Amino acid sequence: MKRIDLFLSEREVNKVCKAISEAGVPGYSVIRHVTGKGLAGEISESMDFSGLGANAHVIVFCDPGLLSAVRAALRPLFEVYGGVGFISEAEPL
């Protein structure tokens, strides 16, 4: 089983989730208003009111055979809208 962690603008969550579904992944989880610090710098809490600049974390668990379809669906979106993704191994409890 593979785990995919995606970090992207909240404005693009619907596009990304649609692409994930179209790639054949049966489900995902979305955590909105993610803050922190990364290569692009710190995400400010001062964005609370407007929501501008707020990020989301999308978590996907899928069969390894779906990775190429997920990559093909997400890379064009990340090239246009930004965002990052990481793939790791996941073992059920």
Protein backbone atom coordinates (compact mmCIF):
# COMPACT_ATOMS: atom_id res chain seq x y z
CA MET A 1 0.00 0.00 0.00
CA LYS A 2 1.24 3.51 -0.80
CA ARG A 3 0.54 6.73 1.07
CA ILE A 4 0.51 10.00 -0.83
CA ASP A 5 0.66 13.28 1.10
CA LEU A 6 -0.23 16.37 -0.91
CA PHE A 7 0.15 19.97 0.26
CA LEU A 8 -1.56 22.60 -1.86
CA SER A 9 -3.65 25.73 -1.83
CA GLU A 10 -7.15 25.24 -0.42
CA ARG A 11 -8.46 26.90 -3.60
CA GLU A 12 -7.27 23.91 -5.65
CA VAL A 13 -8.57 21.09 -3.42
CA ASN A 14 -11.60 20.32 -5.60
CA LYS A 15 -9.49 20.07 -8.77
CA VAL A 16 -6.95 17.81 -7.06
CA CYS A 17 -9.60 15.55 -5.50
CA LYS A 18 -11.36 15.21 -8.85
CA ALA A 19 -8.06 14.24 -10.50
CA ILE A 20 -7.37 11.67 -7.76
CA SER A 21 -10.80 10.10 -8.25
CA GLU A 22 -10.43 10.06 -12.04
CA ALA A 23 -7.08 8.25 -11.60
CA GLY A 24 -8.99 5.39 -9.98
CA VAL A 25 -8.27 6.00 -6.31
CA PRO A 26 -11.31 5.04 -4.25
CA GLY A 27 -10.90 7.65 -1.48
CA TYR A 28 -8.87 10.36 0.21
CA SER A 29 -8.89 12.60 3.28
CA VAL A 30 -8.67 16.40 3.27
CA ILE A 31 -7.41 18.55 6.13
CA ARG A 32 -8.03 22.22 5.48
CA HIS A 33 -6.19 25.25 6.79
CA VAL A 34 -2.81 23.64 7.26
CA THR A 35 -0.08 25.94 8.52
CA GLY A 36 3.63 25.47 8.95
CA LYS A 37 6.97 26.24 7.37
CA GLY A 38 8.48 24.76 4.23
CA LEU A 39 10.77 25.64 1.36
CA ALA A 40 8.46 28.49 0.34
CA GLY A 41 8.66 30.00 3.82
CA GLU A 42 6.26 30.25 6.73
CA ILE A 43 2.50 30.16 6.26
CA SER A 44 1.05 33.01 8.25
CA GLU A 45 -1.82 32.63 10.71
CA SER A 46 -2.83 36.17 9.70
CA MET A 47 -4.61 34.63 6.71
CA ASP A 48 -7.36 33.30 9.02
CA PHE A 49 -9.90 35.96 8.11
CA SER A 50 -9.64 35.94 4.34
CA GLY A 51 -8.54 32.37 3.75
CA LEU A 52 -6.14 33.67 1.10
CA GLY A 53 -2.94 31.71 1.22
CA ALA A 54 -4.44 28.91 3.31
CA ASN A 55 -3.18 25.43 2.47
CA ALA A 56 -4.68 21.97 2.63
CA HIS A 57 -3.26 18.49 3.22
CA VAL A 58 -4.74 15.69 1.12
CA ILE A 59 -3.92 12.15 2.24
CA VAL A 60 -4.36 9.24 -0.15
CA PHE A 61 -3.84 5.51 0.40
CA CYS A 62 -3.77 3.42 -2.75
CA ASP A 63 -2.53 0.32 -4.48
CA PRO A 64 0.98 0.76 -5.97
CA GLY A 65 -0.48 0.01 -9.40
CA LEU A 66 -2.34 3.34 -9.34
CA LEU A 67 0.73 5.52 -8.75
CA SER A 68 1.49 6.22 -12.40
CA ALA A 69 -2.12 7.32 -13.04
CA VAL A 70 -2.12 9.53 -9.93
CA ARG A 71 1.20 11.12 -10.93
CA ALA A 72 -0.03 11.75 -14.46
CA ALA A 73 -3.20 13.38 -13.12
CA LEU A 74 -1.52 15.57 -10.49
CA ARG A 75 1.70 16.79 -12.09
CA PRO A 76 -0.02 19.14 -14.57
CA LEU A 77 -2.10 20.64 -11.75
CA PHE A 78 0.95 21.19 -9.56
CA GLU A 79 2.83 22.78 -12.47
CA VAL A 80 0.03 25.33 -12.93
CA TYR A 81 -1.22 25.89 -9.37
CA GLY A 82 1.74 24.81 -7.22
CA GLY A 83 1.82 22.27 -4.46
CA VAL A 84 3.98 19.35 -3.47
CA GLY A 85 3.45 15.65 -3.01
CA PHE A 86 5.29 12.82 -1.29
CA ILE A 87 4.92 9.06 -1.61
CA SER A 88 5.73 6.60 1.15
CA GLU A 89 5.04 3.03 2.13
CA ALA A 90 2.03 2.35 4.34
CA GLU A 91 1.35 -0.80 6.26
CA PRO A 92 -2.10 -1.42 7.76
CA LEU A 93 -2.24 -2.04 11.49
